[in-house]
């Protein structure tokens, strides 16, 4: 059997894959993280808005809207 590498860092495995793990952020990395965070916050806010609308409006107290609220809650998790 081969050697066990259970106590190595993630950098060890990443560098052995043939890709270079950089210690500084490139502009491309900053843009990707910023866009990802923006989309994530937008999704969280819209799901909270859907849940709040269903909970506060009596017109939305029907089974189909409860399904929609459950989908929004599942998306939050």
Protein backbone atom coordinates (compact mmCIF):
# COMPACT_ATOMS: atom_id res chain seq x y z
CA UNK A 1 0.00 0.00 0.00
CA UNK A 2 0.96 3.63 -0.43
CA UNK A 3 1.85 6.18 2.17
CA UNK A 4 -0.92 7.91 4.15
CA UNK A 5 -0.99 11.71 3.93
CA UNK A 6 -3.61 12.40 6.59
CA UNK A 7 -1.66 15.13 8.37
CA UNK A 8 -0.73 17.21 5.31
CA UNK A 9 -2.14 20.64 4.52
CA UNK A 10 -4.52 21.46 1.67
CA UNK A 11 -1.67 23.28 -0.04
CA UNK A 12 0.29 20.03 -0.22
CA UNK A 13 -2.47 18.28 -2.16
CA UNK A 14 -3.25 21.29 -4.35
CA UNK A 15 0.39 21.79 -5.33
CA UNK A 16 0.75 18.07 -6.10
CA UNK A 17 -2.17 18.30 -8.53
CA UNK A 18 -0.06 20.37 -10.92
CA UNK A 19 -1.70 23.70 -10.08
CA UNK A 20 -0.04 26.48 -8.16
CA UNK A 21 -1.61 27.69 -4.92
CA UNK A 22 -0.98 31.41 -4.60
CA UNK A 23 -0.80 33.23 -1.27
CA UNK A 24 -2.06 36.56 -2.70
CA UNK A 25 -5.34 37.44 -4.42
CA UNK A 26 -5.36 38.28 -8.10
CA UNK A 27 -7.90 40.80 -9.44
CA UNK A 28 -9.83 37.92 -11.02
CA UNK A 29 -10.15 36.23 -7.61
CA UNK A 30 -11.50 39.42 -6.03
CA UNK A 31 -14.10 39.82 -8.80
CA UNK A 32 -15.27 36.20 -8.49
CA UNK A 33 -15.60 36.41 -4.71
CA UNK A 34 -17.37 39.80 -4.89
CA UNK A 35 -19.87 38.54 -7.46
CA UNK A 36 -20.46 35.36 -5.49
CA UNK A 37 -21.11 37.27 -2.27
CA UNK A 38 -23.41 39.71 -4.07
CA UNK A 39 -25.50 36.93 -5.57
CA UNK A 40 -25.60 35.06 -2.25
CA UNK A 41 -26.81 38.12 -0.33
CA UNK A 42 -29.41 38.84 -3.01
CA UNK A 43 -30.75 35.26 -2.83
CA UNK A 44 -30.90 35.40 0.98
CA UNK A 45 -32.78 38.69 0.96
CA UNK A 46 -35.28 37.59 -1.67
CA UNK A 47 -35.99 34.33 0.17
CA UNK A 48 -36.53 36.24 3.42
CA UNK A 49 -38.84 38.62 1.58
CA UNK A 50 -40.92 35.72 0.22
CA UNK A 51 -41.21 34.15 3.68
CA UNK A 52 -42.13 37.49 5.26
CA UNK A 53 -44.78 38.18 2.60
CA UNK A 54 -46.38 34.76 3.09
CA UNK A 55 -46.32 35.06 6.88
CA UNK A 56 -47.72 38.60 7.00
CA UNK A 57 -50.39 38.56 4.29
CA UNK A 58 -53.57 36.57 4.97
CA UNK A 59 -54.23 36.26 1.24
CA UNK A 60 -51.16 34.04 0.97
CA UNK A 61 -52.36 31.51 3.58
CA UNK A 62 -53.21 28.81 1.05
CA UNK A 63 -51.43 25.47 0.51
CA UNK A 64 -49.64 26.56 -2.67
CA UNK A 65 -48.12 29.54 -0.87
CA UNK A 66 -47.03 27.32 2.02
CA UNK A 67 -45.23 25.19 -0.55
CA UNK A 68 -43.58 28.32 -1.92
CA UNK A 69 -42.59 29.36 1.61
CA UNK A 70 -41.13 25.92 2.28
CA UNK A 71 -39.10 26.15 -0.93
CA UNK A 72 -37.78 29.57 0.12
CA UNK A 73 -36.90 28.23 3.58
CA UNK A 74 -35.13 25.21 2.06
CA UNK A 75 -33.18 27.55 -0.21
CA UNK A 76 -32.04 29.49 2.84
CA UNK A 77 -30.60 26.36 4.37
